[in-house]
Each structure stands twice: as C-alpha cells, then as structure tokens.
Amino acid sequence: MIDFSQKLVDRNGDPIVDPASDRKLTDGDRLALENCIANGWKVASPERAHLILSTVTVRGLDSILPDEMSLPSEEKVKRYLLAGQILMQPQCELAPDVVALIKARIGRMYGPLIVGQAFEMLDKVR
C-alpha cells in the first residue's frame, strides 16, 4: 500500500512548503476549491500547504514536457485518470508498471531531493 499523503522534507527534516500554496488564490482557484469541497473531496488548506507525495505525483502526471508535445491522447487520458485515482484514494495499491510510470514522471520533473524521497516512498510497501 502506498501512502500518497506522506510529507516531503528538506535536508534538515522540516516539511517542505509547497511553493504553489504560497501564492494568492485567483477567483478560478477558489471556485475549483469550492467545487472540490462540494463534491466531497478532502481538501487541505490552500494556505502554506506542505509538499506531499500526491502533489508531486499528480504534477508529474499532469505535466507535458517539450519533448512530449506529440504524446498520444490515450497516454494523456491514462495519466489523467491515474492522477484522479490518487487524489481520490491517497492510500492505494498500484501495479508495478503504474509505479514505474509515476517514478519516470517524477524523475523527469524534479531534482534529487524530491526524487530520492518520492522513490523511497513509492518503494516502501506497507
């Protein structure tokens, strides 16, 4: 079982603050947040949230890098559905090929501090 709610920490062991949570919320952000809450999603406070495994995973899955501009639609939908699954069920079992996809995405998107911790979390089975 992978726990995607695990916090990532800095080199001193302090939780990393999600840089995106440090910005002002736009009206669109607020509307999206209200819709998520209305649909029963558990939503952390958008103010100074800690960076967690689900955040880096979903960002990795949702991102398209310059060399992927012609990525087939089927692959985009696969990533979209997987990201949604992780957000809706932050503790879940995933097939090895799915974990490999997540690792590949995180590995391309982030630096060593995030990649190292994320891979350790993804490899740890409860």
N, C-alpha and C. Protein backbone atom coordinates (compact mmCIF):
# COMPACT_ATOMS: atom_id res chain seq x y z
N MET A 1 0.85 -1.17 0.00
CA MET A 1 0.00 0.00 0.00
C MET A 1 0.90 1.24 0.00
N ILE A 2 0.64 2.14 -0.91
CA ILE A 2 1.39 3.39 -0.98
C ILE A 2 0.56 4.49 -0.34
N ASP A 3 1.19 5.24 0.55
CA ASP A 3 0.52 6.36 1.21
C ASP A 3 0.96 7.66 0.54
N PHE A 4 0.09 8.20 -0.32
CA PHE A 4 0.43 9.40 -1.07
C PHE A 4 0.27 10.67 -0.24
N SER A 5 -0.12 10.55 1.03
CA SER A 5 -0.24 11.74 1.88
C SER A 5 1.05 12.04 2.65
N GLN A 6 2.10 11.27 2.41
CA GLN A 6 3.37 11.47 3.10
C GLN A 6 3.99 12.80 2.72
N LYS A 7 4.53 13.50 3.74
CA LYS A 7 5.17 14.80 3.52
C LYS A 7 6.62 14.61 3.07
N LEU A 8 7.05 15.48 2.17
CA LEU A 8 8.45 15.53 1.77
C LEU A 8 9.15 16.55 2.67
N VAL A 9 10.39 16.28 3.00
CA VAL A 9 11.12 17.14 3.94
C VAL A 9 12.39 17.69 3.31
N ASP A 10 12.89 18.78 3.90
CA ASP A 10 14.14 19.35 3.43
C ASP A 10 15.30 18.59 4.08
N ARG A 11 16.51 19.04 3.84
CA ARG A 11 17.69 18.33 4.37
C ARG A 11 17.78 18.39 5.89
N ASN A 12 17.02 19.30 6.52
CA ASN A 12 17.00 19.39 7.98
C ASN A 12 15.87 18.58 8.59
N GLY A 13 15.07 17.93 7.75
CA GLY A 13 13.95 17.14 8.24
C GLY A 13 12.67 17.92 8.43
N ASP A 14 12.67 19.19 8.01
CA ASP A 14 11.47 20.02 8.12
C ASP A 14 10.61 19.84 6.87
N PRO A 15 9.28 19.79 7.04
CA PRO A 15 8.40 19.65 5.87
C PRO A 15 8.64 20.78 4.86
N ILE A 16 8.66 20.42 3.59
CA ILE A 16 8.81 21.40 2.52
C ILE A 16 7.46 22.04 2.28
N VAL A 17 7.44 23.37 2.23
CA VAL A 17 6.20 24.08 1.92
C VAL A 17 6.03 24.05 0.41
N ASP A 18 4.85 23.68 -0.03
CA ASP A 18 4.55 23.64 -1.46
C ASP A 18 4.61 25.07 -2.01
N PRO A 19 5.53 25.34 -2.93
CA PRO A 19 5.65 26.70 -3.46
C PRO A 19 4.35 27.22 -4.08
N ALA A 20 3.56 26.35 -4.64
CA ALA A 20 2.30 26.77 -5.26
C ALA A 20 1.29 27.22 -4.21
N SER A 21 1.43 26.75 -2.96
CA SER A 21 0.48 27.13 -1.92
C SER A 21 0.79 28.51 -1.36
N ASP A 22 1.92 29.05 -1.75
CA ASP A 22 2.37 30.33 -1.21
C ASP A 22 1.89 31.51 -2.05
N ARG A 23 1.12 31.22 -3.08
CA ARG A 23 0.66 32.30 -3.96
C ARG A 23 -0.76 32.70 -3.61
N LYS A 24 -1.17 33.84 -4.10
CA LYS A 24 -2.54 34.30 -3.88
C LYS A 24 -3.48 33.44 -4.73
N LEU A 25 -4.61 33.08 -4.17
CA LEU A 25 -5.59 32.31 -4.91
C LEU A 25 -6.37 33.22 -5.85
N THR A 26 -6.53 32.79 -7.07
CA THR A 26 -7.35 33.53 -8.02
C THR A 26 -8.81 33.15 -7.80
N ASP A 27 -9.72 33.88 -8.43
CA ASP A 27 -11.14 33.53 -8.34
C ASP A 27 -11.38 32.13 -8.89
N GLY A 28 -10.66 31.77 -9.97
CA GLY A 28 -10.78 30.43 -10.54
C GLY A 28 -10.32 29.36 -9.57
N ASP A 29 -9.21 29.64 -8.85
CA ASP A 29 -8.72 28.70 -7.85
C ASP A 29 -9.76 28.49 -6.76
N ARG A 30 -10.33 29.59 -6.30
CA ARG A 30 -11.32 29.50 -5.23
C ARG A 30 -12.54 28.71 -5.68
N LEU A 31 -12.98 28.95 -6.91
CA LEU A 31 -14.13 28.23 -7.46
C LEU A 31 -13.83 26.74 -7.56
N ALA A 32 -12.63 26.40 -8.05
CA ALA A 32 -12.24 24.99 -8.15
C ALA A 32 -12.19 24.34 -6.77
N LEU A 33 -11.66 25.07 -5.80
CA LEU A 33 -11.57 24.56 -4.43
C LEU A 33 -12.98 24.34 -3.87
N GLU A 34 -13.87 25.28 -4.08
CA GLU A 34 -15.25 25.14 -3.61
C GLU A 34 -15.94 23.96 -4.27
N ASN A 35 -15.68 23.74 -5.57
CA ASN A 35 -16.27 22.60 -6.27
C ASN A 35 -15.76 21.28 -5.71
N CYS A 36 -14.48 21.23 -5.42
CA CYS A 36 -13.90 20.01 -4.85
C CYS A 36 -14.56 19.69 -3.50
N ILE A 37 -14.70 20.71 -2.66
CA ILE A 37 -15.31 20.52 -1.35
C ILE A 37 -16.77 20.10 -1.50
N ALA A 38 -17.48 20.75 -2.43
CA ALA A 38 -18.89 20.42 -2.67
C ALA A 38 -19.07 18.98 -3.15
N ASN A 39 -18.07 18.45 -3.85
CA ASN A 39 -18.13 17.07 -4.34
C ASN A 39 -17.63 16.06 -3.33
N GLY A 40 -17.32 16.53 -2.12
CA GLY A 40 -16.93 15.62 -1.06
C GLY A 40 -15.45 15.30 -1.01
N TRP A 41 -14.64 16.00 -1.78
CA TRP A 41 -13.20 15.75 -1.75
C TRP A 41 -12.61 16.35 -0.49
N LYS A 42 -11.65 15.65 0.08
CA LYS A 42 -10.93 16.19 1.22
C LYS A 42 -9.86 17.13 0.66
N VAL A 43 -9.92 18.37 1.06
CA VAL A 43 -9.00 19.38 0.52
C VAL A 43 -8.25 20.02 1.67
N ALA A 44 -6.93 20.00 1.58
CA ALA A 44 -6.11 20.66 2.59
C ALA A 44 -6.22 22.16 2.43
N SER A 45 -5.94 22.86 3.47
CA SER A 45 -5.95 24.32 3.40
C SER A 45 -4.99 24.77 2.31
N PRO A 46 -5.42 25.68 1.44
CA PRO A 46 -4.54 26.13 0.37
C PRO A 46 -3.45 27.07 0.86
N GLU A 47 -3.48 27.46 2.11
CA GLU A 47 -2.50 28.40 2.64
C GLU A 47 -1.29 27.64 3.17
N ARG A 48 -0.16 27.83 2.56
CA ARG A 48 1.12 27.27 3.02
C ARG A 48 1.06 25.77 3.27
N ALA A 49 0.56 25.03 2.32
CA ALA A 49 0.44 23.58 2.44
C ALA A 49 1.81 22.92 2.31
N HIS A 50 1.96 21.80 2.98
CA HIS A 50 3.20 21.04 2.86
C HIS A 50 3.20 20.27 1.55
N LEU A 51 4.37 20.07 1.00
CA LEU A 51 4.51 19.29 -0.23
C LEU A 51 4.40 17.81 0.13
N ILE A 52 3.46 17.13 -0.50
CA ILE A 52 3.25 15.71 -0.22
C ILE A 52 3.41 14.89 -1.50
N LEU A 53 3.53 13.59 -1.30
CA LEU A 53 3.78 12.69 -2.42
C LEU A 53 2.71 12.80 -3.50
N SER A 54 1.44 12.93 -3.11
CA SER A 54 0.40 13.03 -4.14
C SER A 54 0.57 14.28 -4.99
N THR A 55 1.03 15.36 -4.40
CA THR A 55 1.22 16.61 -5.15
C THR A 55 2.28 16.44 -6.22
N VAL A 56 3.44 15.90 -5.86
CA VAL A 56 4.49 15.74 -6.87
C VAL A 56 4.10 14.69 -7.90
N THR A 57 3.36 13.67 -7.46
CA THR A 57 2.90 12.63 -8.39
C THR A 57 1.93 13.21 -9.41
N VAL A 58 0.92 13.91 -8.94
CA VAL A 58 -0.09 14.47 -9.84
C VAL A 58 0.53 15.51 -10.76
N ARG A 59 1.40 16.34 -10.24
CA ARG A 59 2.07 17.33 -11.11
C ARG A 59 2.91 16.63 -12.17
N GLY A 60 3.57 15.56 -11.79
CA GLY A 60 4.36 14.80 -12.76
C GLY A 60 3.49 14.18 -13.83
N LEU A 61 2.35 13.64 -13.42
CA LEU A 61 1.44 13.00 -14.39
C LEU A 61 0.76 14.03 -15.28
N ASP A 62 0.43 15.19 -14.74
CA ASP A 62 -0.29 16.21 -15.50
C ASP A 62 0.60 17.03 -16.43
N SER A 63 1.88 17.02 -16.20
CA SER A 63 2.79 17.86 -16.99
C SER A 63 3.16 17.23 -18.32
N ILE A 64 3.31 18.10 -19.30
CA ILE A 64 3.81 17.69 -20.61
C ILE A 64 5.10 18.45 -20.85
N LEU A 65 6.18 17.73 -21.03
CA LEU A 65 7.48 18.35 -21.27
C LEU A 65 7.65 18.64 -22.76
N PRO A 66 8.57 19.54 -23.11
CA PRO A 66 8.72 19.93 -24.52
C PRO A 66 8.90 18.77 -25.50
N ASP A 67 9.59 17.72 -25.08
CA ASP A 67 9.80 16.59 -25.99
C ASP A 67 8.60 15.65 -26.06
N GLU A 68 7.51 15.99 -25.35
CA GLU A 68 6.31 15.15 -25.33
C GLU A 68 5.10 15.82 -25.98
N MET A 69 5.34 16.85 -26.74
CA MET A 69 4.22 17.61 -27.31
C MET A 69 3.31 16.76 -28.20
N SER A 70 3.85 15.72 -28.78
CA SER A 70 3.04 14.87 -29.65
C SER A 70 2.60 13.58 -28.95
N LEU A 71 2.55 13.62 -27.62
CA LEU A 71 2.13 12.46 -26.84
C LEU A 71 0.71 12.05 -27.26
N PRO A 72 0.47 10.76 -27.52
CA PRO A 72 -0.86 10.32 -27.93
C PRO A 72 -1.93 10.64 -26.87
N SER A 73 -3.11 10.93 -27.33
CA SER A 73 -4.22 11.27 -26.44
C SER A 73 -4.49 10.17 -25.43
N GLU A 74 -4.35 8.92 -25.84
CA GLU A 74 -4.62 7.80 -24.94
C GLU A 74 -3.69 7.85 -23.72
N GLU A 75 -2.43 8.22 -23.94
CA GLU A 75 -1.49 8.32 -22.83
C GLU A 75 -1.86 9.47 -21.90
N LYS A 76 -2.31 10.57 -22.48
CA LYS A 76 -2.75 11.71 -21.66
C LYS A 76 -3.94 11.33 -20.80
N VAL A 77 -4.90 10.61 -21.38
CA VAL A 77 -6.08 10.18 -20.62
C VAL A 77 -5.67 9.20 -19.52
N LYS A 78 -4.75 8.30 -19.81
CA LYS A 78 -4.27 7.34 -18.82
C LYS A 78 -3.67 8.08 -17.62
N ARG A 79 -2.85 9.08 -17.89
CA ARG A 79 -2.23 9.86 -16.82
C ARG A 79 -3.29 10.64 -16.04
N TYR A 80 -4.23 11.21 -16.76
CA TYR A 80 -5.32 11.98 -16.13
C TYR A 80 -6.10 11.10 -15.16
N LEU A 81 -6.48 9.92 -15.59
CA LEU A 81 -7.26 9.01 -14.75
C LEU A 81 -6.47 8.55 -13.54
N LEU A 82 -5.20 8.27 -13.74
CA LEU A 82 -4.34 7.84 -12.63
C LEU A 82 -4.20 8.96 -11.61
N ALA A 83 -3.99 10.18 -12.06
CA ALA A 83 -3.88 11.32 -11.14
C ALA A 83 -5.16 11.47 -10.33
N GLY A 84 -6.30 11.34 -10.97
CA GLY A 84 -7.59 11.42 -10.28
C GLY A 84 -7.75 10.33 -9.25
N GLN A 85 -7.33 9.13 -9.58
CA GLN A 85 -7.41 8.00 -8.65
C GLN A 85 -6.58 8.29 -7.40
N ILE A 86 -5.39 8.82 -7.59
CA ILE A 86 -4.50 9.10 -6.45
C ILE A 86 -5.08 10.21 -5.58
N LEU A 87 -5.68 11.21 -6.19
CA LEU A 87 -6.29 12.28 -5.41
C LEU A 87 -7.50 11.80 -4.62
N MET A 88 -8.26 10.91 -5.21
CA MET A 88 -9.48 10.41 -4.55
C MET A 88 -9.18 9.33 -3.51
N GLN A 89 -8.09 8.60 -3.72
CA GLN A 89 -7.75 7.50 -2.82
C GLN A 89 -6.25 7.58 -2.52
N PRO A 90 -5.86 8.44 -1.56
CA PRO A 90 -4.43 8.66 -1.31
C PRO A 90 -3.67 7.48 -0.72
N GLN A 91 -4.36 6.45 -0.31
CA GLN A 91 -3.69 5.22 0.11
C GLN A 91 -4.22 4.11 -0.78
N CYS A 92 -3.35 3.61 -1.64
CA CYS A 92 -3.82 2.61 -2.59
C CYS A 92 -2.70 1.67 -3.01
N GLU A 93 -3.13 0.55 -3.55
CA GLU A 93 -2.22 -0.44 -4.15
C GLU A 93 -2.12 -0.11 -5.63
N LEU A 94 -0.93 -0.13 -6.17
CA LEU A 94 -0.74 0.11 -7.60
C LEU A 94 0.13 -0.99 -8.20
N ALA A 95 -0.16 -1.33 -9.43
CA ALA A 95 0.63 -2.34 -10.14
C ALA A 95 2.04 -1.81 -10.36
N PRO A 96 3.02 -2.71 -10.45
CA PRO A 96 4.41 -2.29 -10.65
C PRO A 96 4.62 -1.39 -11.87
N ASP A 97 3.89 -1.65 -12.97
CA ASP A 97 4.07 -0.81 -14.15
C ASP A 97 3.53 0.60 -13.93
N VAL A 98 2.52 0.74 -13.08
CA VAL A 98 1.97 2.06 -12.76
C VAL A 98 2.96 2.82 -11.88
N VAL A 99 3.54 2.12 -10.90
CA VAL A 99 4.56 2.75 -10.05
C VAL A 99 5.75 3.18 -10.92
N ALA A 100 6.12 2.37 -11.88
CA ALA A 100 7.24 2.72 -12.78
C ALA A 100 6.92 3.99 -13.58
N LEU A 101 5.69 4.11 -14.04
CA LEU A 101 5.27 5.33 -14.76
C LEU A 101 5.37 6.54 -13.85
N ILE A 102 4.87 6.42 -12.63
CA ILE A 102 4.93 7.53 -11.68
C ILE A 102 6.38 7.94 -11.41
N LYS A 103 7.24 6.96 -11.19
CA LYS A 103 8.64 7.25 -10.94
C LYS A 103 9.28 7.95 -12.15
N ALA A 104 8.96 7.50 -13.33
CA ALA A 104 9.52 8.12 -14.53
C ALA A 104 9.09 9.58 -14.63
N ARG A 105 7.83 9.85 -14.32
CA ARG A 105 7.32 11.23 -14.40
C ARG A 105 7.97 12.11 -13.34
N ILE A 106 8.02 11.64 -12.10
CA ILE A 106 8.64 12.41 -11.03
C ILE A 106 10.12 12.62 -11.33
N GLY A 107 10.78 11.58 -11.83
CA GLY A 107 12.20 11.66 -12.15
C GLY A 107 12.52 12.71 -13.20
N ARG A 108 11.60 12.95 -14.10
CA ARG A 108 11.81 13.95 -15.15
C ARG A 108 11.47 15.36 -14.69
N MET A 109 10.64 15.47 -13.67
CA MET A 109 10.11 16.77 -13.26
C MET A 109 10.87 17.44 -12.11
N TYR A 110 11.52 16.66 -11.28
CA TYR A 110 12.06 17.20 -10.03
C TYR A 110 13.54 16.91 -9.86
N GLY A 111 14.13 17.60 -8.88
CA GLY A 111 15.54 17.43 -8.54
C GLY A 111 15.75 16.29 -7.56
N PRO A 112 17.01 16.05 -7.20
CA PRO A 112 17.37 14.90 -6.37
C PRO A 112 16.67 14.83 -5.01
N LEU A 113 16.46 15.95 -4.34
CA LEU A 113 15.85 15.92 -3.02
C LEU A 113 14.43 15.34 -3.08
N ILE A 114 13.67 15.77 -4.07
CA ILE A 114 12.29 15.28 -4.22
C ILE A 114 12.27 13.87 -4.80
N VAL A 115 13.06 13.64 -5.83
CA VAL A 115 13.08 12.33 -6.49
C VAL A 115 13.51 11.24 -5.51
N GLY A 116 14.56 11.48 -4.75
CA GLY A 116 15.03 10.47 -3.81
C GLY A 116 13.98 10.08 -2.79
N GLN A 117 13.34 11.07 -2.19
CA GLN A 117 12.31 10.78 -1.19
C GLN A 117 11.08 10.12 -1.82
N ALA A 118 10.67 10.64 -2.97
CA ALA A 118 9.48 10.08 -3.62
C ALA A 118 9.71 8.62 -3.99
N PHE A 119 10.88 8.29 -4.53
CA PHE A 119 11.16 6.91 -4.89
C PHE A 119 11.18 6.01 -3.66
N GLU A 120 11.75 6.50 -2.55
CA GLU A 120 11.74 5.71 -1.31
C GLU A 120 10.31 5.45 -0.85
N MET A 121 9.47 6.48 -0.92
CA MET A 121 8.07 6.33 -0.51
C MET A 121 7.31 5.36 -1.41
N LEU A 122 7.58 5.45 -2.70
CA LEU A 122 6.90 4.58 -3.67
C LEU A 122 7.37 3.12 -3.55
N ASP A 123 8.60 2.94 -3.13
CA ASP A 123 9.14 1.59 -2.99
C ASP A 123 8.75 0.93 -1.66
N LYS A 124 8.38 1.75 -0.69
CA LYS A 124 8.02 1.23 0.63
C LYS A 124 6.61 0.66 0.57
N VAL A 125 6.49 -0.62 0.82
CA VAL A 125 5.18 -1.28 0.79
C VAL A 125 4.77 -1.58 2.22
N ARG A 126 3.54 -1.19 2.56
CA ARG A 126 3.04 -1.44 3.92
C ARG A 126 2.27 -2.73 3.97
